[in-house]
Amino acid sequence: MINFEEELKKFHPSLEVEKAEDAIYNQDITDMADLLVGLVKQAKEEEQ
């Protein structure tokens, strides 16, 4: 039978996962909120 406590002690996350995690979190991605803020700014500038 598998001893989960022993298996958890042996566990070490792979470096590939950590590298992928860093790449995902460090990306500057434009989302809908950024697009809406830009559109509102542009509309205000056009009014003037």
PDB file of N, CA and C in Angstrom:
ATOM      1  N   MET A   1       0.839  -1.183   0.000  1.00  0.00           N
ATOM      2  CA  MET A   1       0.000   0.000   0.000  1.00  0.00           C
ATOM      3  C   MET A   1       0.887   1.251   0.000  1.00  0.00           C
ATOM      4  N   ILE A   2       0.393   2.311  -0.596  1.00  0.00           N
ATOM      5  CA  ILE A   2       1.172   3.543  -0.708  1.00  0.00           C
ATOM      6  C   ILE A   2       1.105   4.334   0.601  1.00  0.00           C
ATOM      7  N   ASN A   3       2.277   4.731   1.088  1.00  0.00           N
ATOM      8  CA  ASN A   3       2.346   5.574   2.269  1.00  0.00           C
ATOM      9  C   ASN A   3       2.453   7.029   1.784  1.00  0.00           C
ATOM     10  N   PHE A   4       1.352   7.740   1.816  1.00  0.00           N
ATOM     11  CA  PHE A   4       1.309   9.094   1.260  1.00  0.00           C
ATOM     12  C   PHE A   4       2.220  10.065   1.993  1.00  0.00           C
ATOM     13  N   GLU A   5       2.371   9.892   3.273  1.00  0.00           N
ATOM     14  CA  GLU A   5       3.250  10.781   4.041  1.00  0.00           C
ATOM     15  C   GLU A   5       4.695  10.639   3.568  1.00  0.00           C
ATOM     16  N   GLU A   6       5.141   9.418   3.336  1.00  0.00           N
ATOM     17  CA  GLU A   6       6.500   9.183   2.849  1.00  0.00           C
ATOM     18  C   GLU A   6       6.679   9.729   1.441  1.00  0.00           C
ATOM     19  N   GLU A   7       5.681   9.550   0.598  1.00  0.00           N
ATOM     20  CA  GLU A   7       5.762  10.049  -0.777  1.00  0.00           C
ATOM     21  C   GLU A   7       5.801  11.574  -0.803  1.00  0.00           C
ATOM     22  N   LEU A   8       5.056  12.215   0.078  1.00  0.00           N
ATOM     23  CA  LEU A   8       5.075  13.684   0.143  1.00  0.00           C
ATOM     24  C   LEU A   8       6.426  14.209   0.594  1.00  0.00           C
ATOM     25  N   LYS A   9       7.092  13.475   1.474  1.00  0.00           N
ATOM     26  CA  LYS A   9       8.429  13.877   1.917  1.00  0.00           C
ATOM     27  C   LYS A   9       9.431  13.833   0.761  1.00  0.00           C
ATOM     28  N   LYS A  10       9.251  12.920  -0.179  1.00  0.00           N
ATOM     29  CA  LYS A  10      10.152  12.773  -1.318  1.00  0.00           C
ATOM     30  C   LYS A  10       9.878  13.785  -2.425  1.00  0.00           C
ATOM     31  N   PHE A  11       8.713  14.402  -2.389  1.00  0.00           N
ATOM     32  CA  PHE A  11       8.290  15.274  -3.487  1.00  0.00           C
ATOM     33  C   PHE A  11       9.129  16.544  -3.584  1.00  0.00           C
ATOM     34  N   HIS A  12       9.565  16.864  -4.798  1.00  0.00           N
ATOM     35  CA  HIS A  12      10.234  18.115  -5.113  1.00  0.00           C
ATOM     36  C   HIS A  12       9.654  18.616  -6.428  1.00  0.00           C
ATOM     37  N   PRO A  13       9.154  19.849  -6.472  1.00  0.00           N
ATOM     38  CA  PRO A  13       8.579  20.330  -7.730  1.00  0.00           C
ATOM     39  C   PRO A  13       9.639  20.404  -8.823  1.00  0.00           C
ATOM     40  N   SER A  14       9.227  20.128 -10.035  1.00  0.00           N
ATOM     41  CA  SER A  14      10.183  20.162 -11.136  1.00  0.00           C
ATOM     42  C   SER A  14      10.508  21.610 -11.496  1.00  0.00           C
ATOM     43  N   LEU A  15      11.704  21.828 -11.982  1.00  0.00           N
ATOM     44  CA  LEU A  15      12.127  23.177 -12.356  1.00  0.00           C
ATOM     45  C   LEU A  15      11.313  23.708 -13.523  1.00  0.00           C
ATOM     46  N   GLU A  16      10.870  22.847 -14.423  1.00  0.00           N
ATOM     47  CA  GLU A  16      10.096  23.302 -15.572  1.00  0.00           C
ATOM     48  C   GLU A  16       8.807  23.986 -15.131  1.00  0.00           C
ATOM     49  N   VAL A  17       8.171  23.456 -14.106  1.00  0.00           N
ATOM     50  CA  VAL A  17       6.932  24.043 -13.611  1.00  0.00           C
ATOM     51  C   VAL A  17       7.207  25.428 -13.043  1.00  0.00           C
ATOM     52  N   GLU A  18       8.280  25.569 -12.271  1.00  0.00           N
ATOM     53  CA  GLU A  18       8.607  26.863 -11.691  1.00  0.00           C
ATOM     54  C   GLU A  18       8.947  27.878 -12.777  1.00  0.00           C
ATOM     55  N   LYS A  19       9.669  27.459 -13.806  1.00  0.00           N
ATOM     56  CA  LYS A  19      10.001  28.366 -14.906  1.00  0.00           C
ATOM     57  C   LYS A  19       8.747  28.791 -15.657  1.00  0.00           C
ATOM     58  N   ALA A  20       7.854  27.855 -15.892  1.00  0.00           N
ATOM     59  CA  ALA A  20       6.605  28.177 -16.581  1.00  0.00           C
ATOM     60  C   ALA A  20       5.769  29.130 -15.744  1.00  0.00           C
ATOM     61  N   GLU A  21       5.737  28.900 -14.451  1.00  0.00           N
ATOM     62  CA  GLU A  21       4.978  29.766 -13.548  1.00  0.00           C
ATOM     63  C   GLU A  21       5.524  31.191 -13.601  1.00  0.00           C
ATOM     64  N   ASP A  22       6.835  31.358 -13.574  1.00  0.00           N
ATOM     65  CA  ASP A  22       7.443  32.682 -13.655  1.00  0.00           C
ATOM     66  C   ASP A  22       7.113  33.356 -14.975  1.00  0.00           C
ATOM     67  N   ALA A  23       7.174  32.609 -16.052  1.00  0.00           N
ATOM     68  CA  ALA A  23       6.881  33.175 -17.370  1.00  0.00           C
ATOM     69  C   ALA A  23       5.437  33.640 -17.455  1.00  0.00           C
ATOM     70  N   ILE A  24       4.536  32.896 -16.873  1.00  0.00           N
ATOM     71  CA  ILE A  24       3.113  33.261 -16.919  1.00  0.00           C
ATOM     72  C   ILE A  24       2.852  34.498 -16.075  1.00  0.00           C
ATOM     73  N   TYR A  25       3.377  34.540 -14.875  1.00  0.00           N
ATOM     74  CA  TYR A  25       3.109  35.657 -13.982  1.00  0.00           C
ATOM     75  C   TYR A  25       3.814  36.941 -14.396  1.00  0.00           C
ATOM     76  N   ASN A  26       4.924  36.844 -15.120  1.00  0.00           N
ATOM     77  CA  ASN A  26       5.693  38.028 -15.484  1.00  0.00           C
ATOM     78  C   ASN A  26       5.274  38.637 -16.813  1.00  0.00           C
ATOM     79  N   GLN A  27       4.279  38.087 -17.471  1.00  0.00           N
ATOM     80  CA  GLN A  27       3.819  38.660 -18.733  1.00  0.00           C
ATOM     81  C   GLN A  27       2.906  39.835 -18.457  1.00  0.00           C
ATOM     82  N   ASP A  28       3.086  40.880 -19.265  1.00  0.00           N
ATOM     83  CA  ASP A  28       2.221  42.055 -19.162  1.00  0.00           C
ATOM     84  C   ASP A  28       1.147  41.920 -20.235  1.00  0.00           C
ATOM     85  N   ILE A  29       0.022  41.389 -19.856  1.00  0.00           N
ATOM     86  CA  ILE A  29      -1.046  41.111 -20.807  1.00  0.00           C
ATOM     87  C   ILE A  29      -2.165  42.143 -20.617  1.00  0.00           C
ATOM     88  N   THR A  30      -2.613  42.699 -21.734  1.00  0.00           N
ATOM     89  CA  THR A  30      -3.722  43.645 -21.696  1.00  0.00           C
ATOM     90  C   THR A  30      -5.011  42.870 -21.486  1.00  0.00           C
ATOM     91  N   ASP A  31      -5.797  43.293 -20.502  1.00  0.00           N
ATOM     92  CA  ASP A  31      -7.070  42.634 -20.277  1.00  0.00           C
ATOM     93  C   ASP A  31      -8.203  43.606 -20.618  1.00  0.00           C
ATOM     94  N   MET A  32      -9.418  43.180 -20.402  1.00  0.00           N
ATOM     95  CA  MET A  32     -10.585  44.006 -20.761  1.00  0.00           C
ATOM     96  C   MET A  32     -10.600  45.322 -19.999  1.00  0.00           C
ATOM     97  N   ALA A  33     -10.192  45.316 -18.745  1.00  0.00           N
ATOM     98  CA  ALA A  33     -10.185  46.549 -17.956  1.00  0.00           C
ATOM     99  C   ALA A  33      -9.219  47.567 -18.572  1.00  0.00           C
ATOM    100  N   ASP A  34      -8.037  47.099 -19.003  1.00  0.00           N
ATOM    101  CA  ASP A  34      -7.074  47.995 -19.646  1.00  0.00           C
ATOM    102  C   ASP A  34      -7.644  48.571 -20.940  1.00  0.00           C
ATOM    103  N   LEU A  35      -8.334  47.737 -21.707  1.00  0.00           N
ATOM    104  CA  LEU A  35      -8.923  48.207 -22.955  1.00  0.00           C
ATOM    105  C   LEU A  35     -10.005  49.262 -22.696  1.00  0.00           C
ATOM    106  N   LEU A  36     -10.837  49.036 -21.698  1.00  0.00           N
ATOM    107  CA  LEU A  36     -11.893  49.994 -21.382  1.00  0.00           C
ATOM    108  C   LEU A  36     -11.324  51.318 -20.891  1.00  0.00           C
ATOM    109  N   VAL A  37     -10.293  51.273 -20.063  1.00  0.00           N
ATOM    110  CA  VAL A  37      -9.656  52.497 -19.577  1.00  0.00           C
ATOM    111  C   VAL A  37      -9.096  53.281 -20.758  1.00  0.00           C
ATOM    112  N   GLY A  38      -8.466  52.596 -21.687  1.00  0.00           N
ATOM    113  CA  GLY A  38      -7.920  53.250 -22.868  1.00  0.00           C
ATOM    114  C   GLY A  38      -8.999  53.890 -23.720  1.00  0.00           C
ATOM    115  N   LEU A  39     -10.110  53.190 -23.890  1.00  0.00           N
ATOM    116  CA  LEU A  39     -11.208  53.736 -24.687  1.00  0.00           C
ATOM    117  C   LEU A  39     -11.819  54.971 -24.026  1.00  0.00           C
ATOM    118  N   VAL A  40     -11.961  54.946 -22.713  1.00  0.00           N
ATOM    119  CA  VAL A  40     -12.510  56.091 -21.994  1.00  0.00           C
ATOM    120  C   VAL A  40     -11.566  57.287 -22.116  1.00  0.00           C
ATOM    121  N   LYS A  41     -10.270  57.088 -21.978  1.00  0.00           N
ATOM    122  CA  LYS A  41      -9.297  58.160 -22.133  1.00  0.00           C
ATOM    123  C   LYS A  41      -9.338  58.743 -23.532  1.00  0.00           C
ATOM    124  N   GLN A  42      -9.423  57.856 -24.511  1.00  0.00           N
ATOM    125  CA  GLN A  42      -9.477  58.316 -25.897  1.00  0.00           C
ATOM    126  C   GLN A  42     -10.745  59.123 -26.155  1.00  0.00           C
ATOM    127  N   ALA A  43     -11.880  58.687 -25.625  1.00  0.00           N
ATOM    128  CA  ALA A  43     -13.135  59.409 -25.808  1.00  0.00           C
ATOM    129  C   ALA A  43     -13.074  60.790 -25.148  1.00  0.00           C
ATOM    130  N   LYS A  44     -12.451  60.888 -23.975  1.00  0.00           N
ATOM    131  CA  LYS A  44     -12.331  62.173 -23.291  1.00  0.00           C
ATOM    132  C   LYS A  44     -11.432  63.117 -24.079  1.00  0.00           C
ATOM    133  N   GLU A  45     -10.354  62.599 -24.667  1.00  0.00           N
ATOM    134  CA  GLU A  45      -9.450  63.432 -25.454  1.00  0.00           C
ATOM    135  C   GLU A  45     -10.140  63.951 -26.702  1.00  0.00           C
ATOM    136  N   GLU A  46     -10.998  63.141 -27.315  1.00  0.00           N
ATOM    137  CA  GLU A  46     -11.703  63.550 -28.523  1.00  0.00           C
ATOM    138  C   GLU A  46     -12.761  64.611 -28.232  1.00  0.00           C
ATOM    139  N   GLU A  47     -13.301  64.619 -27.011  1.00  0.00           N
ATOM    140  CA  GLU A  47     -14.291  65.616 -26.627  1.00  0.00           C
ATOM    141  C   GLU A  47     -13.681  67.012 -26.545  1.00  0.00           C
ATOM    142  N   GLN A  48     -12.427  67.087 -26.215  1.00  0.00           N
ATOM    143  CA  GLN A  48     -11.786  68.392 -25.981  1.00  0.00           C
ATOM    144  C   GLN A  48     -11.395  69.045 -27.233  1.00  0.00           C
TER     145      GLN A  48
END
